Amino acid sequence: MPLSAAQQQTFQNWLSRKNPNFKCPCCGQNNFQTGEIIAPPTLVNGAINMGGNTIPMLTLICSNCAHVSLFATIPIGI
């Protein structure tokens, strides 16, 4: 699910407060694009569960190396 402009601003404000000098853990650059909100599958009793209880996550993609960082949306307020 794409982020609205308000959600993007909420995330940018949150990231600036929590880690104002956030850099890519892979290449060290600090140019990113905000991706989408995803709901990754979970593993239940050894089987992949698509749906059900999950943690919605926001993707942040490094513009240099394409490394994807994941952030839980609920604590951010999204």
PDB file of N, CA and C in Angstrom:
ATOM      1  N   MET A   1       0.836  -1.166   0.000  1.00  0.00           N
ATOM      2  CA  MET A   1       0.000   0.000   0.000  1.00  0.00           C
ATOM      3  C   MET A   1       0.889   1.240   0.000  1.00  0.00           C
ATOM      4  N   PRO A   2       0.741   2.105  -0.979  1.00  0.00           N
ATOM      5  CA  PRO A   2       1.548   3.332  -1.024  1.00  0.00           C
ATOM      6  C   PRO A   2       1.203   4.260   0.141  1.00  0.00           C
ATOM      7  N   LEU A   3       2.172   5.062   0.538  1.00  0.00           N
ATOM      8  CA  LEU A   3       1.953   6.029   1.611  1.00  0.00           C
ATOM      9  C   LEU A   3       1.324   7.300   1.068  1.00  0.00           C
ATOM     10  N   SER A   4       0.470   7.893   1.862  1.00  0.00           N
ATOM     11  CA  SER A   4      -0.067   9.209   1.528  1.00  0.00           C
ATOM     12  C   SER A   4       1.017  10.244   1.845  1.00  0.00           C
ATOM     13  N   ALA A   5       0.813  11.460   1.392  1.00  0.00           N
ATOM     14  CA  ALA A   5       1.769  12.537   1.684  1.00  0.00           C
ATOM     15  C   ALA A   5       1.876  12.757   3.193  1.00  0.00           C
ATOM     16  N   ALA A   6       0.756  12.674   3.906  1.00  0.00           N
ATOM     17  CA  ALA A   6       0.759  12.858   5.363  1.00  0.00           C
ATOM     18  C   ALA A   6       1.542  11.734   6.051  1.00  0.00           C
ATOM     19  N   GLN A   7       1.378  10.495   5.590  1.00  0.00           N
ATOM     20  CA  GLN A   7       2.120   9.372   6.166  1.00  0.00           C
ATOM     21  C   GLN A   7       3.615   9.506   5.896  1.00  0.00           C
ATOM     22  N   GLN A   8       3.975   9.947   4.700  1.00  0.00           N
ATOM     23  CA  GLN A   8       5.395  10.157   4.388  1.00  0.00           C
ATOM     24  C   GLN A   8       5.989  11.202   5.316  1.00  0.00           C
ATOM     25  N   GLN A   9       5.246  12.276   5.558  1.00  0.00           N
ATOM     26  CA  GLN A   9       5.733  13.332   6.454  1.00  0.00           C
ATOM     27  C   GLN A   9       5.856  12.822   7.885  1.00  0.00           C
ATOM     28  N   THR A  10       4.870  12.026   8.331  1.00  0.00           N
ATOM     29  CA  THR A  10       4.928  11.434   9.669  1.00  0.00           C
ATOM     30  C   THR A  10       6.183  10.583   9.816  1.00  0.00           C
ATOM     31  N   PHE A  11       6.480   9.765   8.808  1.00  0.00           N
ATOM     32  CA  PHE A  11       7.668   8.914   8.867  1.00  0.00           C
ATOM     33  C   PHE A  11       8.942   9.740   8.853  1.00  0.00           C
ATOM     34  N   GLN A  12       9.021  10.743   7.991  1.00  0.00           N
ATOM     35  CA  GLN A  12      10.220  11.584   7.934  1.00  0.00           C
ATOM     36  C   GLN A  12      10.456  12.292   9.266  1.00  0.00           C
ATOM     37  N   ASN A  13       9.394  12.803   9.868  1.00  0.00           N
ATOM     38  CA  ASN A  13       9.525  13.460  11.174  1.00  0.00           C
ATOM     39  C   ASN A  13       9.996  12.476  12.229  1.00  0.00           C
ATOM     40  N   TRP A  14       9.416  11.281  12.236  1.00  0.00           N
ATOM     41  CA  TRP A  14       9.790  10.251  13.215  1.00  0.00           C
ATOM     42  C   TRP A  14      11.256   9.870  13.051  1.00  0.00           C
ATOM     43  N   LEU A  15      11.682   9.616  11.811  1.00  0.00           N
ATOM     44  CA  LEU A  15      13.064   9.211  11.560  1.00  0.00           C
ATOM     45  C   LEU A  15      14.024  10.322  11.944  1.00  0.00           C
ATOM     46  N   SER A  16      13.672  11.571  11.682  1.00  0.00           N
ATOM     47  CA  SER A  16      14.529  12.703  12.056  1.00  0.00           C
ATOM     48  C   SER A  16      14.685  12.811  13.568  1.00  0.00           C
ATOM     49  N   ARG A  17      13.620  12.490  14.313  1.00  0.00           N
ATOM     50  CA  ARG A  17      13.699  12.524  15.781  1.00  0.00           C
ATOM     51  C   ARG A  17      14.503  11.353  16.330  1.00  0.00           C
ATOM     52  N   LYS A  18      14.297  10.164  15.774  1.00  0.00           N
ATOM     53  CA  LYS A  18      14.911   8.954  16.313  1.00  0.00           C
ATOM     54  C   LYS A  18      16.363   8.769  15.870  1.00  0.00           C
ATOM     55  N   ASN A  19      16.650   9.101  14.622  1.00  0.00           N
ATOM     56  CA  ASN A  19      17.992   8.890  14.083  1.00  0.00           C
ATOM     57  C   ASN A  19      18.241   9.904  12.959  1.00  0.00           C
ATOM     58  N   PRO A  20      18.573  11.139  13.331  1.00  0.00           N
ATOM     59  CA  PRO A  20      18.701  12.192  12.320  1.00  0.00           C
ATOM     60  C   PRO A  20      19.803  11.958  11.295  1.00  0.00           C
ATOM     61  N   ASN A  21      20.753  11.111  11.592  1.00  0.00           N
ATOM     62  CA  ASN A  21      21.859  10.840  10.673  1.00  0.00           C
ATOM     63  C   ASN A  21      21.783   9.424  10.115  1.00  0.00           C
ATOM     64  N   PHE A  22      20.559   8.923   9.901  1.00  0.00           N
ATOM     65  CA  PHE A  22      20.374   7.560   9.418  1.00  0.00           C
ATOM     66  C   PHE A  22      21.101   7.350   8.097  1.00  0.00           C
ATOM     67  N   LYS A  23      21.900   6.314   8.050  1.00  0.00           N
ATOM     68  CA  LYS A  23      22.628   5.942   6.841  1.00  0.00           C
ATOM     69  C   LYS A  23      22.315   4.487   6.504  1.00  0.00           C
ATOM     70  N   CYS A  24      22.460   4.133   5.256  1.00  0.00           N
ATOM     71  CA  CYS A  24      22.225   2.761   4.828  1.00  0.00           C
ATOM     72  C   CYS A  24      23.201   1.836   5.557  1.00  0.00           C
ATOM     73  N   PRO A  25      22.699   0.787   6.203  1.00  0.00           N
ATOM     74  CA  PRO A  25      23.599  -0.135   6.902  1.00  0.00           C
ATOM     75  C   PRO A  25      24.471  -0.949   5.950  1.00  0.00           C
ATOM     76  N   CYS A  26      24.161  -0.915   4.674  1.00  0.00           N
ATOM     77  CA  CYS A  26      24.908  -1.709   3.702  1.00  0.00           C
ATOM     78  C   CYS A  26      26.023  -0.891   3.042  1.00  0.00           C
ATOM     79  N   CYS A  27      25.688   0.304   2.531  1.00  0.00           N
ATOM     80  CA  CYS A  27      26.684   1.074   1.770  1.00  0.00           C
ATOM     81  C   CYS A  27      27.072   2.392   2.430  1.00  0.00           C
ATOM     82  N   GLY A  28      26.351   2.810   3.460  1.00  0.00           N
ATOM     83  CA  GLY A  28      26.698   4.030   4.180  1.00  0.00           C
ATOM     84  C   GLY A  28      26.150   5.317   3.570  1.00  0.00           C
ATOM     85  N   GLN A  29      25.446   5.232   2.469  1.00  0.00           N
ATOM     86  CA  GLN A  29      24.866   6.428   1.853  1.00  0.00           C
ATOM     87  C   GLN A  29      23.631   6.868   2.638  1.00  0.00           C
ATOM     88  N   ASN A  30      23.156   8.082   2.366  1.00  0.00           N
ATOM     89  CA  ASN A  30      21.956   8.547   3.073  1.00  0.00           C
ATOM     90  C   ASN A  30      20.896   9.094   2.115  1.00  0.00           C
ATOM     91  N   ASN A  31      20.788   8.491   0.954  1.00  0.00           N
ATOM     92  CA  ASN A  31      19.736   8.838  -0.003  1.00  0.00           C
ATOM     93  C   ASN A  31      18.761   7.673  -0.089  1.00  0.00           C
ATOM     94  N   PHE A  32      17.495   7.952   0.251  1.00  0.00           N
ATOM     95  CA  PHE A  32      16.492   6.896   0.325  1.00  0.00           C
ATOM     96  C   PHE A  32      15.223   7.300  -0.389  1.00  0.00           C
ATOM     97  N   GLN A  33      14.445   6.308  -0.741  1.00  0.00           N
ATOM     98  CA  GLN A  33      13.079   6.548  -1.175  1.00  0.00           C
ATOM     99  C   GLN A  33      12.173   5.717  -0.288  1.00  0.00           C
ATOM    100  N   THR A  34      11.068   6.292   0.094  1.00  0.00           N
ATOM    101  CA  THR A  34      10.098   5.574   0.908  1.00  0.00           C
ATOM    102  C   THR A  34       9.328   4.635   0.001  1.00  0.00           C
ATOM    103  N   GLY A  35       9.266   3.377   0.399  1.00  0.00           N
ATOM    104  CA  GLY A  35       8.535   2.387  -0.379  1.00  0.00           C
ATOM    105  C   GLY A  35       7.082   2.337   0.049  1.00  0.00           C
ATOM    106  N   GLU A  36       6.589   1.146   0.226  1.00  0.00           N
ATOM    107  CA  GLU A  36       5.186   0.942   0.576  1.00  0.00           C
ATOM    108  C   GLU A  36       5.064   0.271   1.939  1.00  0.00           C
ATOM    109  N   ILE A  37       3.848   0.200   2.417  1.00  0.00           N
ATOM    110  CA  ILE A  37       3.557  -0.567   3.625  1.00  0.00           C
ATOM    111  C   ILE A  37       3.292  -1.997   3.180  1.00  0.00           C
ATOM    112  N   ILE A  38       3.980  -2.914   3.825  1.00  0.00           N
ATOM    113  CA  ILE A  38       3.811  -4.331   3.500  1.00  0.00           C
ATOM    114  C   ILE A  38       3.376  -5.087   4.750  1.00  0.00           C
ATOM    115  N   ALA A  39       2.813  -6.251   4.557  1.00  0.00           N
ATOM    116  CA  ALA A  39       2.450  -7.141   5.655  1.00  0.00           C
ATOM    117  C   ALA A  39       3.110  -8.486   5.354  1.00  0.00           C
ATOM    118  N   PRO A  40       4.329  -8.679   5.863  1.00  0.00           N
ATOM    119  CA  PRO A  40       5.032  -9.912   5.537  1.00  0.00           C
ATOM    120  C   PRO A  40       4.324 -11.143   6.105  1.00  0.00           C
ATOM    121  N   PRO A  41       4.482 -12.267   5.443  1.00  0.00           N
ATOM    122  CA  PRO A  41       3.887 -13.504   5.967  1.00  0.00           C
ATOM    123  C   PRO A  41       4.563 -13.911   7.270  1.00  0.00           C
ATOM    124  N   THR A  42       3.861 -14.716   8.049  1.00  0.00           N
ATOM    125  CA  THR A  42       4.413 -15.238   9.295  1.00  0.00           C
ATOM    126  C   THR A  42       4.553 -16.746   9.192  1.00  0.00           C
ATOM    127  N   LEU A  43       5.338 -17.302  10.080  1.00  0.00           N
ATOM    128  CA  LEU A  43       5.524 -18.742  10.139  1.00  0.00           C
ATOM    129  C   LEU A  43       4.723 -19.267  11.327  1.00  0.00           C
ATOM    130  N   VAL A  44       3.757 -20.150  11.065  1.00  0.00           N
ATOM    131  CA  VAL A  44       2.899 -20.703  12.105  1.00  0.00           C
ATOM    132  C   VAL A  44       2.993 -22.224  12.043  1.00  0.00           C
ATOM    133  N   ASN A  45       3.500 -22.819  13.116  1.00  0.00           N
ATOM    134  CA  ASN A  45       3.656 -24.277  13.177  1.00  0.00           C
ATOM    135  C   ASN A  45       4.394 -24.834  11.960  1.00  0.00           C
ATOM    136  N   GLY A  46       5.422 -24.110  11.537  1.00  0.00           N
ATOM    137  CA  GLY A  46       6.239 -24.570  10.425  1.00  0.00           C
ATOM    138  C   GLY A  46       5.674 -24.287   9.045  1.00  0.00           C
ATOM    139  N   ALA A  47       4.525 -23.624   8.971  1.00  0.00           N
ATOM    140  CA  ALA A  47       3.909 -23.316   7.672  1.00  0.00           C
ATOM    141  C   ALA A  47       3.827 -21.804   7.492  1.00  0.00           C
ATOM    142  N   ILE A  48       3.991 -21.358   6.270  1.00  0.00           N
ATOM    143  CA  ILE A  48       3.887 -19.933   5.971  1.00  0.00           C
ATOM    144  C   ILE A  48       2.416 -19.535   5.995  1.00  0.00           C
ATOM    145  N   ASN A  49       2.129 -18.499   6.778  1.00  0.00           N
ATOM    146  CA  ASN A  49       0.770 -17.998   6.939  1.00  0.00           C
ATOM    147  C   ASN A  49       0.649 -16.655   6.226  1.00  0.00           C
ATOM    148  N   MET A  50      -0.136 -16.614   5.163  1.00  0.00           N
ATOM    149  CA  MET A  50      -0.375 -15.377   4.427  1.00  0.00           C
ATOM    150  C   MET A  50      -1.638 -14.734   4.981  1.00  0.00           C
ATOM    151  N   GLY A  51      -1.502 -13.700   5.761  1.00  0.00           N
ATOM    152  CA  GLY A  51      -2.650 -13.061   6.391  1.00  0.00           C
ATOM    153  C   GLY A  51      -2.649 -13.383   7.868  1.00  0.00           C
ATOM    154  N   GLY A  52      -3.705 -13.078   8.518  1.00  0.00           N
ATOM    155  CA  GLY A  52      -3.774 -13.311   9.955  1.00  0.00           C
ATOM    156  C   GLY A  52      -2.988 -12.244  10.694  1.00  0.00           C
ATOM    157  N   ASN A  53      -2.495 -12.586  11.859  1.00  0.00           N
ATOM    158  CA  ASN A  53      -1.733 -11.633  12.661  1.00  0.00           C
ATOM    159  C   ASN A  53      -0.382 -11.371  12.016  1.00  0.00           C
ATOM    160  N   THR A  54      -0.095 -10.114  11.783  1.00  0.00           N
ATOM    161  CA  THR A  54       1.182  -9.724  11.209  1.00  0.00           C
ATOM    162  C   THR A  54       1.516  -8.318  11.675  1.00  0.00           C
ATOM    163  N   ILE A  55       2.729  -7.896  11.451  1.00  0.00           N
ATOM    164  CA  ILE A  55       3.161  -6.550  11.802  1.00  0.00           C
ATOM    165  C   ILE A  55       3.319  -5.759  10.510  1.00  0.00           C
ATOM    166  N   PRO A  56       2.474  -4.755  10.267  1.00  0.00           N
ATOM    167  CA  PRO A  56       2.654  -3.961   9.058  1.00  0.00           C
ATOM    168  C   PRO A  56       3.988  -3.218   9.116  1.00  0.00           C
ATOM    169  N   MET A  57       4.686  -3.209   7.999  1.00  0.00           N
ATOM    170  CA  MET A  57       6.012  -2.592   7.950  1.00  0.00           C
ATOM    171  C   MET A  57       6.130  -1.634   6.777  1.00  0.00           C
ATOM    172  N   LEU A  58       6.897  -0.595   7.023  1.00  0.00           N
ATOM    173  CA  LEU A  58       7.180   0.401   6.007  1.00  0.00           C
ATOM    174  C   LEU A  58       8.556   0.104   5.428  1.00  0.00           C
ATOM    175  N   THR A  59       8.668   0.125   4.117  1.00  0.00           N
ATOM    176  CA  THR A  59       9.960  -0.117   3.480  1.00  0.00           C
ATOM    177  C   THR A  59      10.643   1.205   3.165  1.00  0.00           C
ATOM    178  N   LEU A  60      11.933   1.257   3.436  1.00  0.00           N
ATOM    179  CA  LEU A  60      12.782   2.390   3.090  1.00  0.00           C
ATOM    180  C   LEU A  60      13.901   1.820   2.231  1.00  0.00           C
ATOM    181  N   ILE A  61      14.033   2.316   1.005  1.00  0.00           N
ATOM    182  CA  ILE A  61      14.933   1.721   0.020  1.00  0.00           C
ATOM    183  C   ILE A  61      16.094   2.658  -0.257  1.00  0.00           C
ATOM    184  N   CYS A  62      17.311   2.147  -0.130  1.00  0.00           N
ATOM    185  CA  CYS A  62      18.508   2.935  -0.424  1.00  0.00           C
ATOM    186  C   CYS A  62      18.560   3.212  -1.924  1.00  0.00           C
ATOM    187  N   SER A  63      18.711   4.475  -2.276  1.00  0.00           N
ATOM    188  CA  SER A  63      18.773   4.861  -3.692  1.00  0.00           C
ATOM    189  C   SER A  63      20.088   4.449  -4.346  1.00  0.00           C
ATOM    190  N   ASN A  64      21.100   4.116  -3.542  1.00  0.00           N
ATOM    191  CA  ASN A  64      22.396   3.725  -4.085  1.00  0.00           C
ATOM    192  C   ASN A  64      22.502   2.222  -4.325  1.00  0.00           C
ATOM    193  N   CYS A  65      22.242   1.421  -3.288  1.00  0.00           N
ATOM    194  CA  CYS A  65      22.491  -0.023  -3.402  1.00  0.00           C
ATOM    195  C   CYS A  65      21.218  -0.872  -3.370  1.00  0.00           C
ATOM    196  N   ALA A  66      20.068  -0.248  -3.179  1.00  0.00           N
ATOM    197  CA  ALA A  66      18.765  -0.915  -3.151  1.00  0.00           C
ATOM    198  C   ALA A  66      18.535  -1.762  -1.903  1.00  0.00           C
ATOM    199  N   HIS A  67      19.350  -1.594  -0.867  1.00  0.00           N
ATOM    200  CA  HIS A  67      19.095  -2.276   0.396  1.00  0.00           C
ATOM    201  C   HIS A  67      17.754  -1.799   0.941  1.00  0.00           C
ATOM    202  N   VAL A  68      16.954  -2.723   1.484  1.00  0.00           N
ATOM    203  CA  VAL A  68      15.649  -2.385   2.035  1.00  0.00           C
ATOM    204  C   VAL A  68      15.703  -2.476   3.555  1.00  0.00           C
ATOM    205  N   SER A  69      15.326  -1.391   4.211  1.00  0.00           N
ATOM    206  CA  SER A  69      15.178  -1.369   5.662  1.00  0.00           C
ATOM    207  C   SER A  69      13.694  -1.411   5.977  1.00  0.00           C
ATOM    208  N   LEU A  70      13.332  -2.120   7.047  1.00  0.00           N
ATOM    209  CA  LEU A  70      11.929  -2.257   7.442  1.00  0.00           C
ATOM    210  C   LEU A  70      11.690  -1.573   8.776  1.00  0.00           C
ATOM    211  N   PHE A  71      10.559  -0.885   8.887  1.00  0.00           N
ATOM    212  CA  PHE A  71      10.187  -0.194  10.115  1.00  0.00           C
ATOM    213  C   PHE A  71       8.744  -0.555  10.439  1.00  0.00           C
ATOM    214  N   ALA A  72       8.477  -0.924  11.688  1.00  0.00           N
ATOM    215  CA  ALA A  72       7.112  -1.222  12.125  1.00  0.00           C
ATOM    216  C   ALA A  72       6.297   0.059  12.113  1.00  0.00           C
ATOM    217  N   THR A  73       5.139   0.026  11.452  1.00  0.00           N
ATOM    218  CA  THR A  73       4.356   1.248  11.259  1.00  0.00           C
ATOM    219  C   THR A  73       3.636   1.708  12.527  1.00  0.00           C
ATOM    220  N   ILE A  74       3.170   0.801  13.345  1.00  0.00           N
ATOM    221  CA  ILE A  74       2.328   1.165  14.493  1.00  0.00           C
ATOM    222  C   ILE A  74       3.064   2.074  15.486  1.00  0.00           C
ATOM    223  N   PRO A  75       4.301   1.761  15.900  1.00  0.00           N
ATOM    224  CA  PRO A  75       4.995   2.664  16.830  1.00  0.00           C
ATOM    225  C   PRO A  75       5.294   4.037  16.216  1.00  0.00           C
ATOM    226  N   ILE A  76       5.346   4.108  14.885  1.00  0.00           N
ATOM    227  CA  ILE A  76       5.612   5.379  14.199  1.00  0.00           C
ATOM    228  C   ILE A  76       4.349   6.236  14.150  1.00  0.00           C
ATOM    229  N   GLY A  77       3.194   5.592  14.220  1.00  0.00           N
ATOM    230  CA  GLY A  77       1.931   6.315  14.154  1.00  0.00           C
ATOM    231  C   GLY A  77       1.320   6.314  12.770  1.00  0.00           C
ATOM    232  N   ILE A  78       1.721   5.347  11.955  1.00  0.00           N
ATOM    233  CA  ILE A  78       1.186   5.226  10.598  1.00  0.00           C
ATOM    234  C   ILE A  78       0.215   4.057  10.571  1.00  0.00           C
TER     235      ILE A  78
END
